[in-house]
PDB file of N, CA and C in Angstrom:
ATOM      1  N   MET A   1      49.650 -80.316 -23.423  1.00  0.00           N
ATOM      2  CA  MET A   1      48.778 -79.284 -22.936  1.00  0.00           C
ATOM      3  C   MET A   1      49.450 -77.932 -23.132  1.00  0.00           C
ATOM      4  N   ARG A   2      48.648 -76.954 -23.593  1.00  0.00           N
ATOM      5  CA  ARG A   2      49.213 -75.635 -23.887  1.00  0.00           C
ATOM      6  C   ARG A   2      49.312 -74.792 -22.631  1.00  0.00           C
ATOM      7  N   GLU A   3      50.342 -73.978 -22.592  1.00  0.00           N
ATOM      8  CA  GLU A   3      50.533 -73.041 -21.483  1.00  0.00           C
ATOM      9  C   GLU A   3      49.511 -71.912 -21.614  1.00  0.00           C
ATOM     10  N   PRO A   4      48.942 -71.468 -20.490  1.00  0.00           N
ATOM     11  CA  PRO A   4      48.020 -70.335 -20.577  1.00  0.00           C
ATOM     12  C   PRO A   4      48.773 -69.076 -21.017  1.00  0.00           C
ATOM     13  N   VAL A   5      48.124 -68.312 -21.848  1.00  0.00           N
ATOM     14  CA  VAL A   5      48.719 -67.085 -22.370  1.00  0.00           C
ATOM     15  C   VAL A   5      48.238 -65.917 -21.510  1.00  0.00           C
ATOM     16  N   GLU A   6      49.205 -65.165 -21.006  1.00  0.00           N
ATOM     17  CA  GLU A   6      48.829 -63.977 -20.235  1.00  0.00           C
ATOM     18  C   GLU A   6      48.473 -62.859 -21.192  1.00  0.00           C
ATOM     19  N   VAL A   7      47.337 -62.244 -20.936  1.00  0.00           N
ATOM     20  CA  VAL A   7      46.888 -61.149 -21.779  1.00  0.00           C
ATOM     21  C   VAL A   7      47.048 -59.857 -21.000  1.00  0.00           C
ATOM     22  N   ASP A   8      47.671 -58.871 -21.618  1.00  0.00           N
ATOM     23  CA  ASP A   8      47.857 -57.562 -20.991  1.00  0.00           C
ATOM     24  C   ASP A   8      46.642 -56.700 -21.322  1.00  0.00           C
ATOM     25  N   PHE A   9      45.633 -56.780 -20.444  1.00  0.00           N
ATOM     26  CA  PHE A   9      44.397 -56.054 -20.689  1.00  0.00           C
ATOM     27  C   PHE A   9      44.599 -54.542 -20.613  1.00  0.00           C
ATOM     28  N   ALA A  10      45.513 -54.095 -19.772  1.00  0.00           N
ATOM     29  CA  ALA A  10      45.778 -52.654 -19.667  1.00  0.00           C
ATOM     30  C   ALA A  10      46.256 -52.110 -21.007  1.00  0.00           C
ATOM     31  N   ALA A  11      47.074 -52.873 -21.711  1.00  0.00           N
ATOM     32  CA  ALA A  11      47.578 -52.426 -23.007  1.00  0.00           C
ATOM     33  C   ALA A  11      46.481 -52.434 -24.069  1.00  0.00           C
ATOM     34  N   ARG A  12      45.457 -53.261 -23.888  1.00  0.00           N
ATOM     35  CA  ARG A  12      44.377 -53.370 -24.861  1.00  0.00           C
ATOM     36  C   ARG A  12      43.310 -52.292 -24.677  1.00  0.00           C
ATOM     37  N   ARG A  13      43.278 -51.654 -23.489  1.00  0.00           N
ATOM     38  CA  ARG A  13      42.290 -50.611 -23.244  1.00  0.00           C
ATOM     39  C   ARG A  13      42.515 -49.437 -24.172  1.00  0.00           C
ATOM     40  N   ARG A  14      41.429 -48.834 -24.559  1.00  0.00           N
ATOM     41  CA  ARG A  14      41.548 -47.621 -25.356  1.00  0.00           C
ATOM     42  C   ARG A  14      42.055 -46.494 -24.475  1.00  0.00           C
ATOM     43  N   PRO A  15      42.964 -45.711 -24.976  1.00  0.00           N
ATOM     44  CA  PRO A  15      43.429 -44.585 -24.163  1.00  0.00           C
ATOM     45  C   PRO A  15      42.270 -43.618 -23.911  1.00  0.00           C
ATOM     46  N   GLN A  16      42.149 -43.181 -22.671  1.00  0.00           N
ATOM     47  CA  GLN A  16      41.108 -42.229 -22.310  1.00  0.00           C
ATOM     48  C   GLN A  16      41.645 -40.817 -22.491  1.00  0.00           C
ATOM     49  N   PRO A  17      40.780 -39.910 -22.943  1.00  0.00           N
ATOM     50  CA  PRO A  17      41.261 -38.533 -23.054  1.00  0.00           C
ATOM     51  C   PRO A  17      41.590 -37.999 -21.661  1.00  0.00           C
ATOM     52  N   ALA A  18      42.590 -37.167 -21.597  1.00  0.00           N
ATOM     53  CA  ALA A  18      42.986 -36.596 -20.309  1.00  0.00           C
ATOM     54  C   ALA A  18      41.838 -35.758 -19.766  1.00  0.00           C
ATOM     55  N   GLU A  19      41.531 -35.968 -18.507  1.00  0.00           N
ATOM     56  CA  GLU A  19      40.455 -35.212 -17.878  1.00  0.00           C
ATOM     57  C   GLU A  19      40.946 -33.795 -17.620  1.00  0.00           C
ATOM     58  N   GLU A  20      40.058 -32.843 -17.822  1.00  0.00           N
ATOM     59  CA  GLU A  20      40.391 -31.445 -17.565  1.00  0.00           C
ATOM     60  C   GLU A  20      39.774 -31.016 -16.251  1.00  0.00           C
ATOM     61  N   LEU A  21      40.278 -29.951 -15.710  1.00  0.00           N
ATOM     62  CA  LEU A  21      39.757 -29.389 -14.479  1.00  0.00           C
ATOM     63  C   LEU A  21      38.343 -28.886 -14.722  1.00  0.00           C
ATOM     64  N   SER A  22      37.398 -29.349 -13.917  1.00  0.00           N
ATOM     65  CA  SER A  22      35.996 -28.959 -14.085  1.00  0.00           C
ATOM     66  C   SER A  22      35.774 -27.535 -13.578  1.00  0.00           C
ATOM     67  N   SER A  23      34.665 -26.943 -13.981  1.00  0.00           N
ATOM     68  CA  SER A  23      34.330 -25.594 -13.497  1.00  0.00           C
ATOM     69  C   SER A  23      34.097 -25.635 -11.985  1.00  0.00           C
ATOM     70  N   GLU A  24      33.521 -26.744 -11.483  1.00  0.00           N
ATOM     71  CA  GLU A  24      33.325 -26.906 -10.038  1.00  0.00           C
ATOM     72  C   GLU A  24      34.672 -26.893  -9.312  1.00  0.00           C
ATOM     73  N   ALA A  25      35.662 -27.580  -9.867  1.00  0.00           N
ATOM     74  CA  ALA A  25      36.988 -27.627  -9.251  1.00  0.00           C
ATOM     75  C   ALA A  25      37.664 -26.263  -9.329  1.00  0.00           C
ATOM     76  N   ARG A  26      37.473 -25.542 -10.415  1.00  0.00           N
ATOM     77  CA  ARG A  26      38.056 -24.198 -10.527  1.00  0.00           C
ATOM     78  C   ARG A  26      37.492 -23.270  -9.457  1.00  0.00           C
ATOM     79  N   ARG A  27      36.173 -23.334  -9.238  1.00  0.00           N
ATOM     80  CA  ARG A  27      35.545 -22.520  -8.185  1.00  0.00           C
ATOM     81  C   ARG A  27      36.082 -22.913  -6.810  1.00  0.00           C
ATOM     82  N   TRP A  28      36.170 -24.220  -6.582  1.00  0.00           N
ATOM     83  CA  TRP A  28      36.678 -24.734  -5.312  1.00  0.00           C
ATOM     84  C   TRP A  28      38.093 -24.225  -5.045  1.00  0.00           C
ATOM     85  N   LEU A  29      38.946 -24.280  -6.062  1.00  0.00           N
ATOM     86  CA  LEU A  29      40.319 -23.801  -5.907  1.00  0.00           C
ATOM     87  C   LEU A  29      40.356 -22.315  -5.557  1.00  0.00           C
ATOM     88  N   GLU A  30      39.512 -21.537  -6.208  1.00  0.00           N
ATOM     89  CA  GLU A  30      39.467 -20.100  -5.942  1.00  0.00           C
ATOM     90  C   GLU A  30      38.995 -19.795  -4.524  1.00  0.00           C
ATOM     91  N   GLU A  31      38.147 -20.652  -3.971  1.00  0.00           N
ATOM     92  CA  GLU A  31      37.615 -20.435  -2.622  1.00  0.00           C
ATOM     93  C   GLU A  31      38.606 -20.847  -1.531  1.00  0.00           C
ATOM     94  N   LEU A  32      39.583 -21.640  -1.873  1.00  0.00           N
ATOM     95  CA  LEU A  32      40.588 -22.063  -0.891  1.00  0.00           C
ATOM     96  C   LEU A  32      41.534 -20.912  -0.572  1.00  0.00           C
ATOM     97  N   PRO A  33      42.033 -20.852   0.663  1.00  0.00           N
ATOM     98  CA  PRO A  33      43.052 -19.844   0.976  1.00  0.00           C
ATOM     99  C   PRO A  33      44.266 -20.043   0.054  1.00  0.00           C
ATOM    100  N   PRO A  34      44.870 -18.954  -0.389  1.00  0.00           N
ATOM    101  CA  PRO A  34      46.001 -19.068  -1.336  1.00  0.00           C
ATOM    102  C   PRO A  34      47.121 -19.982  -0.857  1.00  0.00           C
ATOM    103  N   ASN A  35      47.371 -20.024   0.453  1.00  0.00           N
ATOM    104  CA  ASN A  35      48.496 -20.831   0.955  1.00  0.00           C
ATOM    105  C   ASN A  35      48.228 -22.337   0.935  1.00  0.00           C
ATOM    106  N   VAL A  36      46.989 -22.770   0.679  1.00  0.00           N
ATOM    107  CA  VAL A  36      46.719 -24.219   0.622  1.00  0.00           C
ATOM    108  C   VAL A  36      46.201 -24.670  -0.748  1.00  0.00           C
ATOM    109  N   ARG A  37      46.134 -23.763  -1.707  1.00  0.00           N
ATOM    110  CA  ARG A  37      45.674 -24.161  -3.046  1.00  0.00           C
ATOM    111  C   ARG A  37      46.635 -25.167  -3.653  1.00  0.00           C
ATOM    112  N   PRO A  38      46.124 -26.311  -4.050  1.00  0.00           N
ATOM    113  CA  PRO A  38      46.994 -27.370  -4.589  1.00  0.00           C
ATOM    114  C   PRO A  38      47.262 -27.175  -6.089  1.00  0.00           C
ATOM    115  N   HIS A  39      48.113 -26.210  -6.419  1.00  0.00           N
ATOM    116  CA  HIS A  39      48.373 -25.872  -7.824  1.00  0.00           C
ATOM    117  C   HIS A  39      48.971 -27.030  -8.607  1.00  0.00           C
ATOM    118  N   ARG A  40      49.969 -27.683  -8.038  1.00  0.00           N
ATOM    119  CA  ARG A  40      50.620 -28.791  -8.763  1.00  0.00           C
ATOM    120  C   ARG A  40      49.657 -29.966  -8.936  1.00  0.00           C
ATOM    121  N   LEU A  41      48.890 -30.268  -7.884  1.00  0.00           N
ATOM    122  CA  LEU A  41      47.905 -31.340  -7.972  1.00  0.00           C
ATOM    123  C   LEU A  41      46.917 -31.054  -9.100  1.00  0.00           C
ATOM    124  N   ALA A  42      46.383 -29.838  -9.124  1.00  0.00           N
ATOM    125  CA  ALA A  42      45.387 -29.471 -10.142  1.00  0.00           C
ATOM    126  C   ALA A  42      45.973 -29.523 -11.551  1.00  0.00           C
ATOM    127  N   ALA A  43      47.221 -29.120 -11.689  1.00  0.00           N
ATOM    128  CA  ALA A  43      47.858 -29.117 -13.014  1.00  0.00           C
ATOM    129  C   ALA A  43      48.214 -30.522 -13.490  1.00  0.00           C
ATOM    130  N   GLU A  44      48.728 -31.353 -12.580  1.00  0.00           N
ATOM    131  CA  GLU A  44      49.218 -32.669 -12.984  1.00  0.00           C
ATOM    132  C   GLU A  44      48.184 -33.785 -12.862  1.00  0.00           C
ATOM    133  N   PHE A  45      47.208 -33.614 -11.956  1.00  0.00           N
ATOM    134  CA  PHE A  45      46.203 -34.650 -11.729  1.00  0.00           C
ATOM    135  C   PHE A  45      44.813 -34.007 -11.619  1.00  0.00           C
ATOM    136  N   PRO A  46      44.313 -33.422 -12.692  1.00  0.00           N
ATOM    137  CA  PRO A  46      43.010 -32.754 -12.627  1.00  0.00           C
ATOM    138  C   PRO A  46      41.875 -33.684 -12.203  1.00  0.00           C
ATOM    139  N   ARG A  47      41.963 -34.956 -12.532  1.00  0.00           N
ATOM    140  CA  ARG A  47      40.918 -35.912 -12.136  1.00  0.00           C
ATOM    141  C   ARG A  47      40.793 -35.959 -10.612  1.00  0.00           C
ATOM    142  N   ILE A  48      41.926 -35.941  -9.929  1.00  0.00           N
ATOM    143  CA  ILE A  48      41.920 -35.981  -8.470  1.00  0.00           C
ATOM    144  C   ILE A  48      41.381 -34.675  -7.901  1.00  0.00           C
ATOM    145  N   ALA A  49      41.786 -33.552  -8.474  1.00  0.00           N
ATOM    146  CA  ALA A  49      41.260 -32.256  -8.024  1.00  0.00           C
ATOM    147  C   ALA A  49      39.745 -32.200  -8.234  1.00  0.00           C
ATOM    148  N   ASN A  50      39.254 -32.724  -9.343  1.00  0.00           N
ATOM    149  CA  ASN A  50      37.808 -32.758  -9.597  1.00  0.00           C
ATOM    150  C   ASN A  50      37.087 -33.583  -8.532  1.00  0.00           C
ATOM    151  N   THR A  51      37.669 -34.722  -8.185  1.00  0.00           N
ATOM    152  CA  THR A  51      37.053 -35.586  -7.172  1.00  0.00           C
ATOM    153  C   THR A  51      37.060 -34.904  -5.804  1.00  0.00           C
ATOM    154  N   LEU A  52      38.161 -34.266  -5.433  1.00  0.00           N
ATOM    155  CA  LEU A  52      38.219 -33.559  -4.150  1.00  0.00           C
ATOM    156  C   LEU A  52      37.184 -32.435  -4.102  1.00  0.00           C
ATOM    157  N   ALA A  53      37.035 -31.716  -5.184  1.00  0.00           N
ATOM    158  CA  ALA A  53      36.040 -30.631  -5.225  1.00  0.00           C
ATOM    159  C   ALA A  53      34.631 -31.179  -5.009  1.00  0.00           C
ATOM    160  N   ARG A  54      34.335 -32.326  -5.617  1.00  0.00           N
ATOM    161  CA  ARG A  54      33.006 -32.934  -5.451  1.00  0.00           C
ATOM    162  C   ARG A  54      32.781 -33.426  -4.030  1.00  0.00           C
ATOM    163  N   ARG A  55      33.823 -33.935  -3.385  1.00  0.00           N
ATOM    164  CA  ARG A  55      33.683 -34.539  -2.054  1.00  0.00           C
ATOM    165  C   ARG A  55      33.919 -33.554  -0.907  1.00  0.00           C
ATOM    166  N   TRP A  56      34.366 -32.356  -1.197  1.00  0.00           N
ATOM    167  CA  TRP A  56      34.798 -31.403  -0.186  1.00  0.00           C
ATOM    168  C   TRP A  56      33.748 -31.152   0.893  1.00  0.00           C
ATOM    169  N   ASN A  57      32.498 -31.109   0.531  1.00  0.00           N
ATOM    170  CA  ASN A  57      31.433 -30.802   1.492  1.00  0.00           C
ATOM    171  C   ASN A  57      30.827 -32.038   2.152  1.00  0.00           C
ATOM    172  N   THR A  58      31.401 -33.194   1.926  1.00  0.00           N
ATOM    173  CA  THR A  58      30.959 -34.412   2.605  1.00  0.00           C
ATOM    174  C   THR A  58      32.165 -34.988   3.344  1.00  0.00           C
ATOM    175  N   PRO A  59      32.330 -34.572   4.608  1.00  0.00           N
ATOM    176  CA  PRO A  59      33.559 -34.888   5.357  1.00  0.00           C
ATOM    177  C   PRO A  59      33.981 -36.348   5.331  1.00  0.00           C
ATOM    178  N   HIS A  60      33.059 -37.257   5.548  1.00  0.00           N
ATOM    179  CA  HIS A  60      33.433 -38.672   5.592  1.00  0.00           C
ATOM    180  C   HIS A  60      34.054 -39.109   4.258  1.00  0.00           C
ATOM    181  N   PHE A  61      33.409 -38.761   3.156  1.00  0.00           N
ATOM    182  CA  PHE A  61      33.904 -39.192   1.846  1.00  0.00           C
ATOM    183  C   PHE A  61      35.187 -38.469   1.459  1.00  0.00           C
ATOM    184  N   CYS A  62      35.307 -37.217   1.882  1.00  0.00           N
ATOM    185  CA  CYS A  62      36.524 -36.467   1.577  1.00  0.00           C
ATOM    186  C   CYS A  62      37.717 -37.050   2.339  1.00  0.00           C
ATOM    187  N   LEU A  63      37.548 -37.303   3.629  1.00  0.00           N
ATOM    188  CA  LEU A  63      38.639 -37.890   4.407  1.00  0.00           C
ATOM    189  C   LEU A  63      38.997 -39.287   3.912  1.00  0.00           C
ATOM    190  N   GLU A  64      37.994 -40.038   3.520  1.00  0.00           N
ATOM    191  CA  GLU A  64      38.227 -41.376   2.964  1.00  0.00           C
ATOM    192  C   GLU A  64      39.087 -41.269   1.695  1.00  0.00           C
ATOM    193  N   TYR A  65      38.766 -40.281   0.847  1.00  0.00           N
ATOM    194  CA  TYR A  65      39.519 -40.100  -0.389  1.00  0.00           C
ATOM    195  C   TYR A  65      40.953 -39.641  -0.102  1.00  0.00           C
ATOM    196  N   PHE A  66      41.128 -38.735   0.862  1.00  0.00           N
ATOM    197  CA  PHE A  66      42.486 -38.331   1.248  1.00  0.00           C
ATOM    198  C   PHE A  66      43.298 -39.559   1.647  1.00  0.00           C
ATOM    199  N   ASP A  67      42.703 -40.440   2.437  1.00  0.00           N
ATOM    200  CA  ASP A  67      43.411 -41.647   2.868  1.00  0.00           C
ATOM    201  C   ASP A  67      43.756 -42.538   1.676  1.00  0.00           C
ATOM    202  N   GLU A  68      42.834 -42.657   0.718  1.00  0.00           N
ATOM    203  CA  GLU A  68      43.121 -43.452  -0.478  1.00  0.00           C
ATOM    204  C   GLU A  68      44.315 -42.875  -1.237  1.00  0.00           C
ATOM    205  N   LEU A  69      44.404 -41.548  -1.256  1.00  0.00           N
ATOM    206  CA  LEU A  69      45.494 -40.899  -1.984  1.00  0.00           C
ATOM    207  C   LEU A  69      46.831 -41.024  -1.253  1.00  0.00           C
ATOM    208  N   LEU A  70      46.796 -40.956   0.066  1.00  0.00           N
ATOM    209  CA  LEU A  70      48.034 -40.895   0.834  1.00  0.00           C
ATOM    210  C   LEU A  70      48.543 -42.240   1.325  1.00  0.00           C
ATOM    211  N   ILE A  71      47.680 -43.253   1.365  1.00  0.00           N
ATOM    212  CA  ILE A  71      48.075 -44.575   1.879  1.00  0.00           C
ATOM    213  C   ILE A  71      47.930 -45.599   0.763  1.00  0.00           C
ATOM    214  N   ASP A  72      49.003 -46.303   0.483  1.00  0.00           N
ATOM    215  CA  ASP A  72      48.994 -47.322  -0.566  1.00  0.00           C
ATOM    216  C   ASP A  72      48.505 -48.651   0.014  1.00  0.00           C
ATOM    217  N   ALA A  73      47.211 -48.904  -0.115  1.00  0.00           N
ATOM    218  CA  ALA A  73      46.629 -50.128   0.429  1.00  0.00           C
ATOM    219  C   ALA A  73      46.945 -51.342  -0.448  1.00  0.00           C
ATOM    220  N   ARG A  74      47.269 -51.112  -1.712  1.00  0.00           N
ATOM    221  CA  ARG A  74      47.551 -52.219  -2.625  1.00  0.00           C
ATOM    222  C   ARG A  74      49.006 -52.672  -2.578  1.00  0.00           C
ATOM    223  N   GLY A  75      49.886 -51.765  -2.194  1.00  0.00           N
ATOM    224  CA  GLY A  75      51.295 -52.117  -2.100  1.00  0.00           C
ATOM    225  C   GLY A  75      52.059 -52.083  -3.404  1.00  0.00           C
ATOM    226  N   ASN A  76      51.475 -51.514  -4.450  1.00  0.00           N
ATOM    227  CA  ASN A  76      52.185 -51.524  -5.726  1.00  0.00           C
ATOM    228  C   ASN A  76      52.099 -50.197  -6.480  1.00  0.00           C
ATOM    229  N   ARG A  77      51.736 -49.130  -5.777  1.00  0.00           N
ATOM    230  CA  ARG A  77      51.614 -47.846  -6.460  1.00  0.00           C
ATOM    231  C   ARG A  77      52.948 -47.112  -6.484  1.00  0.00           C
ATOM    232  N   ARG A  78      53.134 -46.306  -7.527  1.00  0.00           N
ATOM    233  CA  ARG A  78      54.362 -45.536  -7.662  1.00  0.00           C
ATOM    234  C   ARG A  78      54.413 -44.363  -6.691  1.00  0.00           C
ATOM    235  N   GLY A  79      53.263 -43.807  -6.395  1.00  0.00           N
ATOM    236  CA  GLY A  79      53.222 -42.619  -5.545  1.00  0.00           C
ATOM    237  C   GLY A  79      53.229 -41.356  -6.381  1.00  0.00           C
ATOM    238  N   PHE A  80      53.029 -40.255  -5.715  1.00  0.00           N
ATOM    239  CA  PHE A  80      52.977 -38.958  -6.380  1.00  0.00           C
ATOM    240  C   PHE A  80      54.346 -38.292  -6.331  1.00  0.00           C
ATOM    241  N   PRO A  81      54.569 -37.355  -7.259  1.00  0.00           N
ATOM    242  CA  PRO A  81      55.765 -36.523  -7.123  1.00  0.00           C
ATOM    243  C   PRO A  81      55.695 -35.772  -5.788  1.00  0.00           C
ATOM    244  N   LEU A  82      56.842 -35.436  -5.236  1.00  0.00           N
ATOM    245  CA  LEU A  82      56.902 -34.819  -3.915  1.00  0.00           C
ATOM    246  C   LEU A  82      56.030 -33.559  -3.821  1.00  0.00           C
ATOM    247  N   ALA A  83      56.079 -32.681  -4.808  1.00  0.00           N
ATOM    248  CA  ALA A  83      55.296 -31.436  -4.755  1.00  0.00           C
ATOM    249  C   ALA A  83      53.795 -31.724  -4.697  1.00  0.00           C
ATOM    250  N   VAL A  84      53.358 -32.734  -5.404  1.00  0.00           N
ATOM    251  CA  VAL A  84      51.938 -33.108  -5.400  1.00  0.00           C
ATOM    252  C   VAL A  84      51.576 -33.737  -4.058  1.00  0.00           C
ATOM    253  N   MET A  85      52.434 -34.586  -3.532  1.00  0.00           N
ATOM    254  CA  MET A  85      52.195 -35.199  -2.227  1.00  0.00           C
ATOM    255  C   MET A  85      52.081 -34.122  -1.148  1.00  0.00           C
ATOM    256  N   LEU A  86      52.941 -33.109  -1.217  1.00  0.00           N
ATOM    257  CA  LEU A  86      52.880 -32.015  -0.252  1.00  0.00           C
ATOM    258  C   LEU A  86      51.587 -31.219  -0.403  1.00  0.00           C
ATOM    259  N   ASP A  87      51.131 -31.009  -1.648  1.00  0.00           N
ATOM    260  CA  ASP A  87      49.834 -30.352  -1.884  1.00  0.00           C
ATOM    261  C   ASP A  87      48.714 -31.119  -1.191  1.00  0.00           C
ATOM    262  N   ILE A  88      48.695 -32.427  -1.381  1.00  0.00           N
ATOM    263  CA  ILE A  88      47.628 -33.262  -0.807  1.00  0.00           C
ATOM    264  C   ILE A  88      47.700 -33.239   0.721  1.00  0.00           C
ATOM    265  N   ALA A  89      48.889 -33.382   1.273  1.00  0.00           N
ATOM    266  CA  ALA A  89      49.044 -33.395   2.724  1.00  0.00           C
ATOM    267  C   ALA A  89      48.627 -32.058   3.337  1.00  0.00           C
ATOM    268  N   GLU A  90      49.027 -30.954   2.726  1.00  0.00           N
ATOM    269  CA  GLU A  90      48.660 -29.624   3.222  1.00  0.00           C
ATOM    270  C   GLU A  90      47.155 -29.417   3.144  1.00  0.00           C
ATOM    271  N   LEU A  91      46.561 -29.859   2.062  1.00  0.00           N
ATOM    272  CA  LEU A  91      45.115 -29.730   1.877  1.00  0.00           C
ATOM    273  C   LEU A  91      44.356 -30.555   2.910  1.00  0.00           C
ATOM    274  N   LYS A  92      44.825 -31.772   3.174  1.00  0.00           N
ATOM    275  CA  LYS A  92      44.179 -32.612   4.178  1.00  0.00           C
ATOM    276  C   LYS A  92      44.291 -31.970   5.551  1.00  0.00           C
ATOM    277  N   SER A  93      45.441 -31.437   5.868  1.00  0.00           N
ATOM    278  CA  SER A  93      45.635 -30.774   7.150  1.00  0.00           C
ATOM    279  C   SER A  93      44.686 -29.582   7.286  1.00  0.00           C
ATOM    280  N   HIS A  94      44.579 -28.784   6.241  1.00  0.00           N
ATOM    281  CA  HIS A  94      43.651 -27.639   6.243  1.00  0.00           C
ATOM    282  C   HIS A  94      42.213 -28.118   6.441  1.00  0.00           C
ATOM    283  N   PHE A  95      41.858 -29.184   5.752  1.00  0.00           N
ATOM    284  CA  PHE A  95      40.508 -29.727   5.860  1.00  0.00           C
ATOM    285  C   PHE A  95      40.209 -30.159   7.292  1.00  0.00           C
ATOM    286  N   GLN A  96      41.148 -30.881   7.903  1.00  0.00           N
ATOM    287  CA  GLN A  96      40.929 -31.410   9.254  1.00  0.00           C
ATOM    288  C   GLN A  96      41.043 -30.343  10.347  1.00  0.00           C
ATOM    289  N   MET A  97      41.827 -29.316  10.112  1.00  0.00           N
ATOM    290  CA  MET A  97      42.039 -28.305  11.152  1.00  0.00           C
ATOM    291  C   MET A  97      41.094 -27.104  11.019  1.00  0.00           C
ATOM    292  N   THR A  98      40.633 -26.815   9.793  1.00  0.00           N
ATOM    293  CA  THR A  98      39.864 -25.595   9.566  1.00  0.00           C
ATOM    294  C   THR A  98      38.475 -25.857   9.016  1.00  0.00           C
ATOM    295  N   VAL A  99      38.380 -26.620   7.958  1.00  0.00           N
ATOM    296  CA  VAL A  99      37.102 -26.830   7.279  1.00  0.00           C
ATOM    297  C   VAL A  99      36.193 -27.746   8.076  1.00  0.00           C
ATOM    298  N   HIS A 100      36.708 -28.895   8.415  1.00  0.00           N
ATOM    299  CA  HIS A 100      35.928 -29.868   9.192  1.00  0.00           C
ATOM    300  C   HIS A 100      36.852 -30.437  10.252  1.00  0.00           C
ATOM    301  N   TRP A 101      36.845 -29.782  11.426  1.00  0.00           N
ATOM    302  CA  TRP A 101      37.771 -30.173  12.469  1.00  0.00           C
ATOM    303  C   TRP A 101      37.580 -31.649  12.809  1.00  0.00           C
ATOM    304  N   THR A 102      38.678 -32.366  12.820  1.00  0.00           N
ATOM    305  CA  THR A 102      38.664 -33.798  13.099  1.00  0.00           C
ATOM    306  C   THR A 102      39.623 -34.081  14.243  1.00  0.00           C
ATOM    307  N   PRO A 103      39.122 -34.623  15.362  1.00  0.00           N
ATOM    308  CA  PRO A 103      40.041 -34.938  16.457  1.00  0.00           C
ATOM    309  C   PRO A 103      41.057 -35.988  16.012  1.00  0.00           C
ATOM    310  N   ARG A 104      42.286 -35.784  16.397  1.00  0.00           N
ATOM    311  CA  ARG A 104      43.338 -36.718  16.007  1.00  0.00           C
ATOM    312  C   ARG A 104      43.686 -37.683  17.134  1.00  0.00           C
ATOM    313  N   THR A 105      43.433 -37.237  18.372  1.00  0.00           N
ATOM    314  CA  THR A 105      43.727 -38.096  19.513  1.00  0.00           C
ATOM    315  C   THR A 105      42.566 -38.016  20.493  1.00  0.00           C
ATOM    316  N   VAL A 106      42.581 -38.862  21.479  1.00  0.00           N
ATOM    317  CA  VAL A 106      41.568 -38.822  22.537  1.00  0.00           C
ATOM    318  C   VAL A 106      41.640 -37.480  23.246  1.00  0.00           C
ATOM    319  N   TRP A 107      42.858 -36.949  23.435  1.00  0.00           N
ATOM    320  CA  TRP A 107      43.020 -35.673  24.137  1.00  0.00           C
ATOM    321  C   TRP A 107      42.386 -34.536  23.355  1.00  0.00           C
ATOM    322  N   ASP A 108      42.467 -34.552  22.028  1.00  0.00           N
ATOM    323  CA  ASP A 108      41.779 -33.529  21.213  1.00  0.00           C
ATOM    324  C   ASP A 108      40.290 -33.556  21.502  1.00  0.00           C
ATOM    325  N   GLU A 109      39.761 -34.758  21.571  1.00  0.00           N
ATOM    326  CA  GLU A 109      38.329 -34.922  21.830  1.00  0.00           C
ATOM    327  C   GLU A 109      37.968 -34.392  23.219  1.00  0.00           C
ATOM    328  N   ILE A 110      38.753 -34.707  24.227  1.00  0.00           N
ATOM    329  CA  ILE A 110      38.473 -34.281  25.600  1.00  0.00           C
ATOM    330  C   ILE A 110      38.593 -32.760  25.743  1.00  0.00           C
ATOM    331  N   VAL A 111      39.651 -32.195  25.207  1.00  0.00           N
ATOM    332  CA  VAL A 111      39.884 -30.756  25.335  1.00  0.00           C
ATOM    333  C   VAL A 111      38.778 -29.953  24.658  1.00  0.00           C
ATOM    334  N   ASN A 112      38.271 -30.431  23.557  1.00  0.00           N
ATOM    335  CA  ASN A 112      37.274 -29.678  22.799  1.00  0.00           C
ATOM    336  C   ASN A 112      35.834 -30.036  23.123  1.00  0.00           C
ATOM    337  N   ARG A 113      35.624 -30.945  24.042  1.00  0.00           N
ATOM    338  CA  ARG A 113      34.273 -31.334  24.441  1.00  0.00           C
ATOM    339  C   ARG A 113      33.655 -30.200  25.264  1.00  0.00           C
ATOM    340  N   PRO A 114      32.397 -29.847  24.982  1.00  0.00           N
ATOM    341  CA  PRO A 114      31.742 -28.781  25.766  1.00  0.00           C
ATOM    342  C   PRO A 114      31.651 -29.178  27.238  1.00  0.00           C
ATOM    343  N   ARG A 115      31.835 -28.205  28.090  1.00  0.00           N
ATOM    344  CA  ARG A 115      31.761 -28.440  29.531  1.00  0.00           C
ATOM    345  C   ARG A 115      30.401 -27.971  30.035  1.00  0.00           C
ATOM    346  N   ASP A 116      29.873 -28.660  31.017  1.00  0.00           N
ATOM    347  CA  ASP A 116      28.570 -28.270  31.604  1.00  0.00           C
ATOM    348  C   ASP A 116      28.745 -27.207  32.646  1.00  0.00           C
TER     349      ASP A 116
END
């Protein structure tokens, strides 16, 4: 009986052209405060910047995507370079604290709840 042959499908895929920063993402970057603009992320991973720009106005999907970027659910990812990781973390913090406030603890929820 013959041994099964492992096929490296990733090697057989056609290389995809590098994605460029979309005009939507360029506008989004310009609208961000200068201190949170993710320059390294946009330069090194334009596909991710494009996705963030598309999801920015839908809080649930944007936060979900931030979590996908920052948490390795598969256990086998290399991770981002430190400067890019810091860009993503700073951007997420800005999103949760300024753009779409997200309570982080029960106390955040209680303190910010309207009083009668």
